[in-house]
């Protein structure tokens, strides 16, 4: 993303119920921020957490050791791969 597009402010419309709006406004007031700032801060933080859950994972000590052992183990060769790679392919004919 370029620097100029990162600074561009984009509108975002939402339509909360009257109760949702009242609760959000009350929480924003308690934190001394605008409703827009409150919603944006909370939504951004939650969005980062959702993305992190999809890209990161945690392991306990036993799981970590098992994971490292799997990485260090010799690669398994599926049956038939050597034969497949030694046979001529569809593009290997005489031209």
PDB file of N, CA and C in Angstrom:
ATOM      1  N   UNK A   1       0.847  -1.172   0.000  1.00  0.00           N
ATOM      2  CA  UNK A   1       0.000   0.000   0.000  1.00  0.00           C
ATOM      3  C   UNK A   1       0.885   1.225   0.000  1.00  0.00           C
ATOM      4  N   UNK A   2       0.579   2.201  -0.846  1.00  0.00           N
ATOM      5  CA  UNK A   2       1.386   3.403  -0.908  1.00  0.00           C
ATOM      6  C   UNK A   2       1.082   4.304   0.281  1.00  0.00           C
ATOM      7  N   UNK A   3       1.998   5.223   0.528  1.00  0.00           N
ATOM      8  CA  UNK A   3       1.850   6.134   1.663  1.00  0.00           C
ATOM      9  C   UNK A   3       0.621   7.009   1.513  1.00  0.00           C
ATOM     10  N   UNK A   4       0.357   7.487   0.299  1.00  0.00           N
ATOM     11  CA  UNK A   4      -0.785   8.374   0.107  1.00  0.00           C
ATOM     12  C   UNK A   4      -2.112   7.660   0.352  1.00  0.00           C
ATOM     13  N   UNK A   5      -2.226   6.393  -0.079  1.00  0.00           N
ATOM     14  CA  UNK A   5      -3.483   5.677   0.150  1.00  0.00           C
ATOM     15  C   UNK A   5      -3.654   5.288   1.610  1.00  0.00           C
ATOM     16  N   UNK A   6      -2.543   5.126   2.339  1.00  0.00           N
ATOM     17  CA  UNK A   6      -2.630   4.796   3.755  1.00  0.00           C
ATOM     18  C   UNK A   6      -3.173   5.967   4.557  1.00  0.00           C
ATOM     19  N   UNK A   7      -2.950   7.185   4.089  1.00  0.00           N
ATOM     20  CA  UNK A   7      -3.405   8.375   4.790  1.00  0.00           C
ATOM     21  C   UNK A   7      -4.820   8.779   4.381  1.00  0.00           C
ATOM     22  N   UNK A   8      -5.350   8.220   3.317  1.00  0.00           N
ATOM     23  CA  UNK A   8      -6.675   8.572   2.846  1.00  0.00           C
ATOM     24  C   UNK A   8      -7.720   8.056   3.824  1.00  0.00           C
ATOM     25  N   UNK A   9      -8.622   8.936   4.212  1.00  0.00           N
ATOM     26  CA  UNK A   9      -9.695   8.574   5.125  1.00  0.00           C
ATOM     27  C   UNK A   9     -10.895   8.131   4.301  1.00  0.00           C
ATOM     28  N   UNK A  10     -11.414   6.969   4.625  1.00  0.00           N
ATOM     29  CA  UNK A  10     -12.553   6.414   3.906  1.00  0.00           C
ATOM     30  C   UNK A  10     -13.765   6.375   4.826  1.00  0.00           C
ATOM     31  N   UNK A  11     -14.929   6.757   4.336  1.00  0.00           N
ATOM     32  CA  UNK A  11     -16.132   6.682   5.173  1.00  0.00           C
ATOM     33  C   UNK A  11     -16.574   5.235   5.357  1.00  0.00           C
ATOM     34  N   UNK A  12     -17.211   4.986   6.478  1.00  0.00           N
ATOM     35  CA  UNK A  12     -17.740   3.663   6.791  1.00  0.00           C
ATOM     36  C   UNK A  12     -19.108   3.874   7.434  1.00  0.00           C
ATOM     37  N   UNK A  13     -20.125   3.338   6.831  1.00  0.00           N
ATOM     38  CA  UNK A  13     -21.476   3.541   7.350  1.00  0.00           C
ATOM     39  C   UNK A  13     -21.951   2.304   8.092  1.00  0.00           C
ATOM     40  N   UNK A  14     -22.566   2.523   9.250  1.00  0.00           N
ATOM     41  CA  UNK A  14     -23.194   1.438   9.999  1.00  0.00           C
ATOM     42  C   UNK A  14     -24.568   1.902  10.443  1.00  0.00           C
ATOM     43  N   UNK A  15     -25.440   0.957  10.738  1.00  0.00           N
ATOM     44  CA  UNK A  15     -26.792   1.293  11.160  1.00  0.00           C
ATOM     45  C   UNK A  15     -27.139   0.514  12.429  1.00  0.00           C
ATOM     46  N   UNK A  16     -26.716   1.047  13.574  1.00  0.00           N
ATOM     47  CA  UNK A  16     -27.005   0.339  14.823  1.00  0.00           C
ATOM     48  C   UNK A  16     -28.456   0.567  15.254  1.00  0.00           C
ATOM     49  N   UNK A  17     -28.935  -0.341  16.079  1.00  0.00           N
ATOM     50  CA  UNK A  17     -30.258  -0.124  16.688  1.00  0.00           C
ATOM     51  C   UNK A  17     -30.112   1.021  17.691  1.00  0.00           C
ATOM     52  N   UNK A  18     -31.220   1.541  18.149  1.00  0.00           N
ATOM     53  CA  UNK A  18     -31.152   2.650  19.104  1.00  0.00           C
ATOM     54  C   UNK A  18     -30.465   2.208  20.395  1.00  0.00           C
ATOM     55  N   UNK A  19     -30.701   0.976  20.831  1.00  0.00           N
ATOM     56  CA  UNK A  19     -30.038   0.488  22.045  1.00  0.00           C
ATOM     57  C   UNK A  19     -28.536   0.338  21.819  1.00  0.00           C
ATOM     58  N   UNK A  20     -28.139  -0.224  20.677  1.00  0.00           N
ATOM     59  CA  UNK A  20     -26.713  -0.366  20.379  1.00  0.00           C
ATOM     60  C   UNK A  20     -26.035   1.001  20.352  1.00  0.00           C
ATOM     61  N   UNK A  21     -26.685   1.965  19.710  1.00  0.00           N
ATOM     62  CA  UNK A  21     -26.113   3.310  19.623  1.00  0.00           C
ATOM     63  C   UNK A  21     -25.985   3.938  21.005  1.00  0.00           C
ATOM     64  N   UNK A  22     -26.979   3.747  21.848  1.00  0.00           N
ATOM     65  CA  UNK A  22     -26.964   4.307  23.195  1.00  0.00           C
ATOM     66  C   UNK A  22     -25.817   3.705  24.023  1.00  0.00           C
ATOM     67  N   UNK A  23     -25.660   2.387  23.955  1.00  0.00           N
ATOM     68  CA  UNK A  23     -24.599   1.718  24.714  1.00  0.00           C
ATOM     69  C   UNK A  23     -23.226   2.140  24.209  1.00  0.00           C
ATOM     70  N   UNK A  24     -23.069   2.203  22.896  1.00  0.00           N
ATOM     71  CA  UNK A  24     -21.782   2.612  22.314  1.00  0.00           C
ATOM     72  C   UNK A  24     -21.455   4.053  22.699  1.00  0.00           C
ATOM     73  N   UNK A  25     -22.428   4.926  22.630  1.00  0.00           N
ATOM     74  CA  UNK A  25     -22.222   6.327  22.986  1.00  0.00           C
ATOM     75  C   UNK A  25     -21.837   6.455  24.463  1.00  0.00           C
ATOM     76  N   UNK A  26     -22.477   5.667  25.313  1.00  0.00           N
ATOM     77  CA  UNK A  26     -22.166   5.702  26.746  1.00  0.00           C
ATOM     78  C   UNK A  26     -20.725   5.234  26.998  1.00  0.00           C
ATOM     79  N   UNK A  27     -20.317   4.169  26.332  1.00  0.00           N
ATOM     80  CA  UNK A  27     -18.954   3.656  26.495  1.00  0.00           C
ATOM     81  C   UNK A  27     -17.933   4.665  25.963  1.00  0.00           C
ATOM     82  N   UNK A  28     -18.229   5.281  24.823  1.00  0.00           N
ATOM     83  CA  UNK A  28     -17.326   6.286  24.256  1.00  0.00           C
ATOM     84  C   UNK A  28     -17.176   7.469  25.202  1.00  0.00           C
ATOM     85  N   UNK A  29     -18.282   7.885  25.784  1.00  0.00           N
ATOM     86  CA  UNK A  29     -18.248   9.010  26.723  1.00  0.00           C
ATOM     87  C   UNK A  29     -17.385   8.681  27.933  1.00  0.00           C
ATOM     88  N   UNK A  30     -17.509   7.446  28.445  1.00  0.00           N
ATOM     89  CA  UNK A  30     -16.693   7.031  29.592  1.00  0.00           C
ATOM     90  C   UNK A  30     -15.206   7.073  29.277  1.00  0.00           C
ATOM     91  N   UNK A  31     -14.857   6.785  28.048  1.00  0.00           N
ATOM     92  CA  UNK A  31     -13.445   6.806  27.636  1.00  0.00           C
ATOM     93  C   UNK A  31     -13.012   8.166  27.096  1.00  0.00           C
ATOM     94  N   UNK A  32     -13.955   9.114  27.069  1.00  0.00           N
ATOM     95  CA  UNK A  32     -13.680  10.475  26.612  1.00  0.00           C
ATOM     96  C   UNK A  32     -13.189  10.512  25.160  1.00  0.00           C
ATOM     97  N   UNK A  33     -13.845   9.725  24.309  1.00  0.00           N
ATOM     98  CA  UNK A  33     -13.560   9.727  22.876  1.00  0.00           C
ATOM     99  C   UNK A  33     -14.887   9.854  22.133  1.00  0.00           C
ATOM    100  N   UNK A  34     -14.810  10.205  20.873  1.00  0.00           N
ATOM    101  CA  UNK A  34     -16.028  10.292  20.072  1.00  0.00           C
ATOM    102  C   UNK A  34     -16.537   8.876  19.776  1.00  0.00           C
ATOM    103  N   UNK A  35     -17.796   8.799  19.397  1.00  0.00           N
ATOM    104  CA  UNK A  35     -18.373   7.508  19.029  1.00  0.00           C
ATOM    105  C   UNK A  35     -17.602   6.920  17.850  1.00  0.00           C
ATOM    106  N   UNK A  36     -17.266   7.754  16.879  1.00  0.00           N
ATOM    107  CA  UNK A  36     -16.500   7.272  15.716  1.00  0.00           C
ATOM    108  C   UNK A  36     -15.141   6.720  16.133  1.00  0.00           C
ATOM    109  N   UNK A  37     -14.446   7.450  17.009  1.00  0.00           N
ATOM    110  CA  UNK A  37     -13.137   6.982  17.480  1.00  0.00           C
ATOM    111  C   UNK A  37     -13.284   5.668  18.247  1.00  0.00           C
ATOM    112  N   UNK A  38     -14.293   5.585  19.085  1.00  0.00           N
ATOM    113  CA  UNK A  38     -14.517   4.368  19.866  1.00  0.00           C
ATOM    114  C   UNK A  38     -14.767   3.170  18.946  1.00  0.00           C
ATOM    115  N   UNK A  39     -15.675   3.341  18.006  1.00  0.00           N
ATOM    116  CA  UNK A  39     -16.009   2.239  17.097  1.00  0.00           C
ATOM    117  C   UNK A  39     -14.798   1.844  16.264  1.00  0.00           C
ATOM    118  N   UNK A  40     -14.095   2.811  15.717  1.00  0.00           N
ATOM    119  CA  UNK A  40     -12.936   2.510  14.872  1.00  0.00           C
ATOM    120  C   UNK A  40     -11.842   1.812  15.667  1.00  0.00           C
ATOM    121  N   UNK A  41     -11.542   2.305  16.867  1.00  0.00           N
ATOM    122  CA  UNK A  41     -10.500   1.680  17.680  1.00  0.00           C
ATOM    123  C   UNK A  41     -10.854   0.233  18.009  1.00  0.00           C
ATOM    124  N   UNK A  42     -12.081   0.001  18.443  1.00  0.00           N
ATOM    125  CA  UNK A  42     -12.504  -1.347  18.823  1.00  0.00           C
ATOM    126  C   UNK A  42     -12.580  -2.275  17.616  1.00  0.00           C
ATOM    127  N   UNK A  43     -13.124  -1.791  16.526  1.00  0.00           N
ATOM    128  CA  UNK A  43     -13.241  -2.628  15.328  1.00  0.00           C
ATOM    129  C   UNK A  43     -11.860  -2.987  14.787  1.00  0.00           C
ATOM    130  N   UNK A  44     -10.945  -2.018  14.792  1.00  0.00           N
ATOM    131  CA  UNK A  44      -9.593  -2.256  14.288  1.00  0.00           C
ATOM    132  C   UNK A  44      -8.855  -3.281  15.145  1.00  0.00           C
ATOM    133  N   UNK A  45      -8.964  -3.141  16.458  1.00  0.00           N
ATOM    134  CA  UNK A  45      -8.330  -4.084  17.377  1.00  0.00           C
ATOM    135  C   UNK A  45      -8.898  -5.493  17.191  1.00  0.00           C
ATOM    136  N   UNK A  46     -10.213  -5.587  17.093  1.00  0.00           N
ATOM    137  CA  UNK A  46     -10.845  -6.896  16.885  1.00  0.00           C
ATOM    138  C   UNK A  46     -10.460  -7.498  15.537  1.00  0.00           C
ATOM    139  N   UNK A  47     -10.380  -6.663  14.507  1.00  0.00           N
ATOM    140  CA  UNK A  47      -9.997  -7.155  13.181  1.00  0.00           C
ATOM    141  C   UNK A  47      -8.579  -7.703  13.193  1.00  0.00           C
ATOM    142  N   UNK A  48      -7.669  -7.011  13.886  1.00  0.00           N
ATOM    143  CA  UNK A  48      -6.295  -7.509  13.994  1.00  0.00           C
ATOM    144  C   UNK A  48      -6.259  -8.854  14.722  1.00  0.00           C
ATOM    145  N   UNK A  49      -7.076  -9.012  15.747  1.00  0.00           N
ATOM    146  CA  UNK A  49      -7.109 -10.277  16.489  1.00  0.00           C
ATOM    147  C   UNK A  49      -7.635 -11.403  15.613  1.00  0.00           C
ATOM    148  N   UNK A  50      -8.671 -11.135  14.836  1.00  0.00           N
ATOM    149  CA  UNK A  50      -9.224 -12.149  13.934  1.00  0.00           C
ATOM    150  C   UNK A  50      -8.174 -12.575  12.914  1.00  0.00           C
ATOM    151  N   UNK A  51      -7.486 -11.603  12.334  1.00  0.00           N
ATOM    152  CA  UNK A  51      -6.453 -11.935  11.345  1.00  0.00           C
ATOM    153  C   UNK A  51      -5.306 -12.710  11.982  1.00  0.00           C
ATOM    154  N   UNK A  52      -4.924 -12.336  13.193  1.00  0.00           N
ATOM    155  CA  UNK A  52      -3.842 -13.041  13.881  1.00  0.00           C
ATOM    156  C   UNK A  52      -4.227 -14.488  14.155  1.00  0.00           C
ATOM    157  N   UNK A  53      -5.480 -14.723  14.504  1.00  0.00           N
ATOM    158  CA  UNK A  53      -5.937 -16.092  14.765  1.00  0.00           C
ATOM    159  C   UNK A  53      -5.838 -16.962  13.514  1.00  0.00           C
ATOM    160  N   UNK A  54      -5.919 -16.342  12.354  1.00  0.00           N
ATOM    161  CA  UNK A  54      -5.876 -17.092  11.102  1.00  0.00           C
ATOM    162  C   UNK A  54      -4.454 -17.307  10.598  1.00  0.00           C
ATOM    163  N   UNK A  55      -3.485 -16.578  11.145  1.00  0.00           N
ATOM    164  CA  UNK A  55      -2.122 -16.670  10.631  1.00  0.00           C
ATOM    165  C   UNK A  55      -1.101 -17.135  11.656  1.00  0.00           C
ATOM    166  N   UNK A  56      -1.476 -17.169  12.923  1.00  0.00           N
ATOM    167  CA  UNK A  56      -0.544 -17.579  13.972  1.00  0.00           C
ATOM    168  C   UNK A  56      -1.167 -18.684  14.807  1.00  0.00           C
ATOM    169  N   UNK A  57      -0.309 -19.505  15.365  1.00  0.00           N
ATOM    170  CA  UNK A  57      -0.807 -20.538  16.268  1.00  0.00           C
ATOM    171  C   UNK A  57       0.208 -20.740  17.386  1.00  0.00           C
ATOM    172  N   UNK A  58      -0.272 -21.192  18.521  1.00  0.00           N
ATOM    173  CA  UNK A  58       0.599 -21.423  19.657  1.00  0.00           C
ATOM    174  C   UNK A  58       0.672 -22.905  19.988  1.00  0.00           C
ATOM    175  N   UNK A  59       1.806 -23.320  20.497  1.00  0.00           N
ATOM    176  CA  UNK A  59       2.012 -24.713  20.861  1.00  0.00           C
ATOM    177  C   UNK A  59       2.566 -24.789  22.277  1.00  0.00           C
ATOM    178  N   UNK A  60       2.138 -25.810  23.012  1.00  0.00           N
ATOM    179  CA  UNK A  60       2.761 -26.039  24.318  1.00  0.00           C
ATOM    180  C   UNK A  60       4.107 -26.728  24.084  1.00  0.00           C
ATOM    181  N   UNK A  61       4.856 -26.980  25.140  1.00  0.00           N
ATOM    182  CA  UNK A  61       6.214 -27.540  24.998  1.00  0.00           C
ATOM    183  C   UNK A  61       6.222 -28.878  24.267  1.00  0.00           C
ATOM    184  N   UNK A  62       5.300 -29.771  24.611  1.00  0.00           N
ATOM    185  CA  UNK A  62       5.257 -31.090  23.971  1.00  0.00           C
ATOM    186  C   UNK A  62       4.909 -30.962  22.486  1.00  0.00           C
ATOM    187  N   UNK A  63       3.954 -30.105  22.176  1.00  0.00           N
ATOM    188  CA  UNK A  63       3.576 -29.905  20.777  1.00  0.00           C
ATOM    189  C   UNK A  63       4.723 -29.282  19.985  1.00  0.00           C
ATOM    190  N   UNK A  64       5.437 -28.337  20.606  1.00  0.00           N
ATOM    191  CA  UNK A  64       6.569 -27.694  19.940  1.00  0.00           C
ATOM    192  C   UNK A  64       7.658 -28.712  19.627  1.00  0.00           C
ATOM    193  N   UNK A  65       7.972 -29.583  20.578  1.00  0.00           N
ATOM    194  CA  UNK A  65       8.993 -30.611  20.350  1.00  0.00           C
ATOM    195  C   UNK A  65       8.569 -31.557  19.235  1.00  0.00           C
ATOM    196  N   UNK A  66       7.306 -31.917  19.216  1.00  0.00           N
ATOM    197  CA  UNK A  66       6.784 -32.787  18.161  1.00  0.00           C
ATOM    198  C   UNK A  66       6.860 -32.091  16.800  1.00  0.00           C
ATOM    199  N   UNK A  67       6.526 -30.817  16.776  1.00  0.00           N
ATOM    200  CA  UNK A  67       6.589 -30.025  15.544  1.00  0.00           C
ATOM    201  C   UNK A  67       8.020 -29.963  15.021  1.00  0.00           C
ATOM    202  N   UNK A  68       8.980 -29.676  15.912  1.00  0.00           N
ATOM    203  CA  UNK A  68      10.382 -29.630  15.504  1.00  0.00           C
ATOM    204  C   UNK A  68      10.874 -30.982  15.009  1.00  0.00           C
ATOM    205  N   UNK A  69      10.450 -32.056  15.671  1.00  0.00           N
ATOM    206  CA  UNK A  69      10.848 -33.401  15.237  1.00  0.00           C
ATOM    207  C   UNK A  69      10.324 -33.682  13.829  1.00  0.00           C
ATOM    208  N   UNK A  70       9.103 -33.259  13.554  1.00  0.00           N
ATOM    209  CA  UNK A  70       8.537 -33.466  12.217  1.00  0.00           C
ATOM    210  C   UNK A  70       9.311 -32.662  11.171  1.00  0.00           C
ATOM    211  N   UNK A  71       9.736 -31.455  11.526  1.00  0.00           N
ATOM    212  CA  UNK A  71      10.523 -30.650  10.591  1.00  0.00           C
ATOM    213  C   UNK A  71      11.906 -31.252  10.345  1.00  0.00           C
ATOM    214  N   UNK A  72      12.492 -31.821  11.386  1.00  0.00           N
ATOM    215  CA  UNK A  72      13.834 -32.393  11.277  1.00  0.00           C
ATOM    216  C   UNK A  72      13.865 -33.790  10.663  1.00  0.00           C
ATOM    217  N   UNK A  73      12.731 -34.455  10.624  1.00  0.00           N
ATOM    218  CA  UNK A  73      12.667 -35.825  10.088  1.00  0.00           C
ATOM    219  C   UNK A  73      12.946 -35.803   8.588  1.00  0.00           C
ATOM    220  N   UNK A  74      13.527 -36.878   8.074  1.00  0.00           N
ATOM    221  CA  UNK A  74      13.758 -36.942   6.626  1.00  0.00           C
ATOM    222  C   UNK A  74      12.421 -36.897   5.878  1.00  0.00           C
ATOM    223  N   UNK A  75      12.466 -36.305   4.715  1.00  0.00           N
ATOM    224  CA  UNK A  75      11.253 -36.201   3.900  1.00  0.00           C
ATOM    225  C   UNK A  75      10.783 -37.590   3.487  1.00  0.00           C
ATOM    226  N   UNK A  76       9.492 -37.780   3.521  1.00  0.00           N
ATOM    227  CA  UNK A  76       8.926 -39.056   3.071  1.00  0.00           C
ATOM    228  C   UNK A  76       8.658 -38.954   1.578  1.00  0.00           C
ATOM    229  N   UNK A  77       8.968 -40.025   0.871  1.00  0.00           N
ATOM    230  CA  UNK A  77       8.746 -40.044  -0.556  1.00  0.00           C
ATOM    231  C   UNK A  77       7.499 -40.877  -0.845  1.00  0.00           C
ATOM    232  N   UNK A  78       6.453 -40.233  -1.318  1.00  0.00           N
ATOM    233  CA  UNK A  78       5.241 -40.991  -1.625  1.00  0.00           C
ATOM    234  C   UNK A  78       5.536 -42.100  -2.635  1.00  0.00           C
ATOM    235  N   UNK A  79       4.858 -43.216  -2.477  1.00  0.00           N
ATOM    236  CA  UNK A  79       5.100 -44.345  -3.379  1.00  0.00           C
ATOM    237  C   UNK A  79       4.785 -43.952  -4.817  1.00  0.00           C
ATOM    238  N   UNK A  80       5.627 -44.399  -5.705  1.00  0.00           N
ATOM    239  CA  UNK A  80       5.418 -44.158  -7.125  1.00  0.00           C
ATOM    240  C   UNK A  80       6.031 -42.874  -7.645  1.00  0.00           C
ATOM    241  N   UNK A  81       6.527 -42.000  -6.785  1.00  0.00           N
ATOM    242  CA  UNK A  81       7.074 -40.734  -7.256  1.00  0.00           C
ATOM    243  C   UNK A  81       8.334 -40.956  -8.080  1.00  0.00           C
ATOM    244  N   UNK A  82       9.242 -41.807  -7.596  1.00  0.00           N
ATOM    245  CA  UNK A  82      10.477 -42.053  -8.340  1.00  0.00           C
ATOM    246  C   UNK A  82      10.164 -42.596  -9.738  1.00  0.00           C
ATOM    247  N   UNK A  83       9.250 -43.565  -9.825  1.00  0.00           N
ATOM    248  CA  UNK A  83       8.865 -44.143 -11.114  1.00  0.00           C
ATOM    249  C   UNK A  83       8.236 -43.077 -12.010  1.00  0.00           C
ATOM    250  N   UNK A  84       7.370 -42.267 -11.432  1.00  0.00           N
ATOM    251  CA  UNK A  84       6.696 -41.227 -12.198  1.00  0.00           C
ATOM    252  C   UNK A  84       7.704 -40.242 -12.784  1.00  0.00           C
ATOM    253  N   UNK A  85       8.704 -39.877 -11.997  1.00  0.00           N
ATOM    254  CA  UNK A  85       9.687 -38.909 -12.464  1.00  0.00           C
ATOM    255  C   UNK A  85      10.660 -39.497 -13.487  1.00  0.00           C
ATOM    256  N   UNK A  86      10.770 -40.817 -13.545  1.00  0.00           N
ATOM    257  CA  UNK A  86      11.672 -41.451 -14.496  1.00  0.00           C
ATOM    258  C   UNK A  86      10.988 -41.747 -15.824  1.00  0.00           C
ATOM    259  N   UNK A  87       9.677 -41.770 -15.847  1.00  0.00           N
ATOM    260  CA  UNK A  87       8.937 -42.034 -17.087  1.00  0.00           C
ATOM    261  C   UNK A  87       8.869 -40.765 -17.932  1.00  0.00           C
ATOM    262  N   UNK A  88       8.867 -40.940 -19.262  1.00  0.00           N
ATOM    263  CA  UNK A  88       8.737 -39.753 -20.120  1.00  0.00           C
ATOM    264  C   UNK A  88       7.372 -39.095 -19.909  1.00  0.00           C
ATOM    265  N   UNK A  89       7.372 -37.770 -19.973  1.00  0.00           N
ATOM    266  CA  UNK A  89       6.131 -37.025 -19.821  1.00  0.00           C
ATOM    267  C   UNK A  89       5.486 -36.739 -21.168  1.00  0.00           C
ATOM    268  N   UNK A  90       4.333 -36.147 -21.133  1.00  0.00           N
ATOM    269  CA  UNK A  90       3.598 -35.861 -22.374  1.00  0.00           C
ATOM    270  C   UNK A  90       4.339 -34.871 -23.266  1.00  0.00           C
ATOM    271  N   UNK A  91       5.221 -34.071 -22.704  1.00  0.00           N
ATOM    272  CA  UNK A  91       5.955 -33.091 -23.495  1.00  0.00           C
ATOM    273  C   UNK A  91       7.352 -33.550 -23.854  1.00  0.00           C
ATOM    274  N   UNK A  92       7.701 -34.815 -23.524  1.00  0.00           N
ATOM    275  CA  UNK A  92       9.037 -35.317 -23.748  1.00  0.00           C
ATOM    276  C   UNK A  92       9.210 -36.050 -25.095  1.00  0.00           C
ATOM    277  N   UNK A  93       8.252 -35.997 -25.981  1.00  0.00           N
ATOM    278  CA  UNK A  93       8.324 -36.708 -27.259  1.00  0.00           C
ATOM    279  C   UNK A  93       9.272 -36.032 -28.234  1.00  0.00           C
ATOM    280  N   UNK A  94       9.586 -36.727 -29.334  1.00  0.00           N
ATOM    281  CA  UNK A  94      10.432 -36.169 -30.381  1.00  0.00           C
ATOM    282  C   UNK A  94       9.628 -35.122 -31.145  1.00  0.00           C
ATOM    283  N   UNK A  95      10.281 -34.094 -31.521  1.00  0.00           N
ATOM    284  CA  UNK A  95       9.604 -33.030 -32.267  1.00  0.00           C
ATOM    285  C   UNK A  95      10.104 -32.997 -33.659  1.00  0.00           C
TER     286      UNK A  95
END
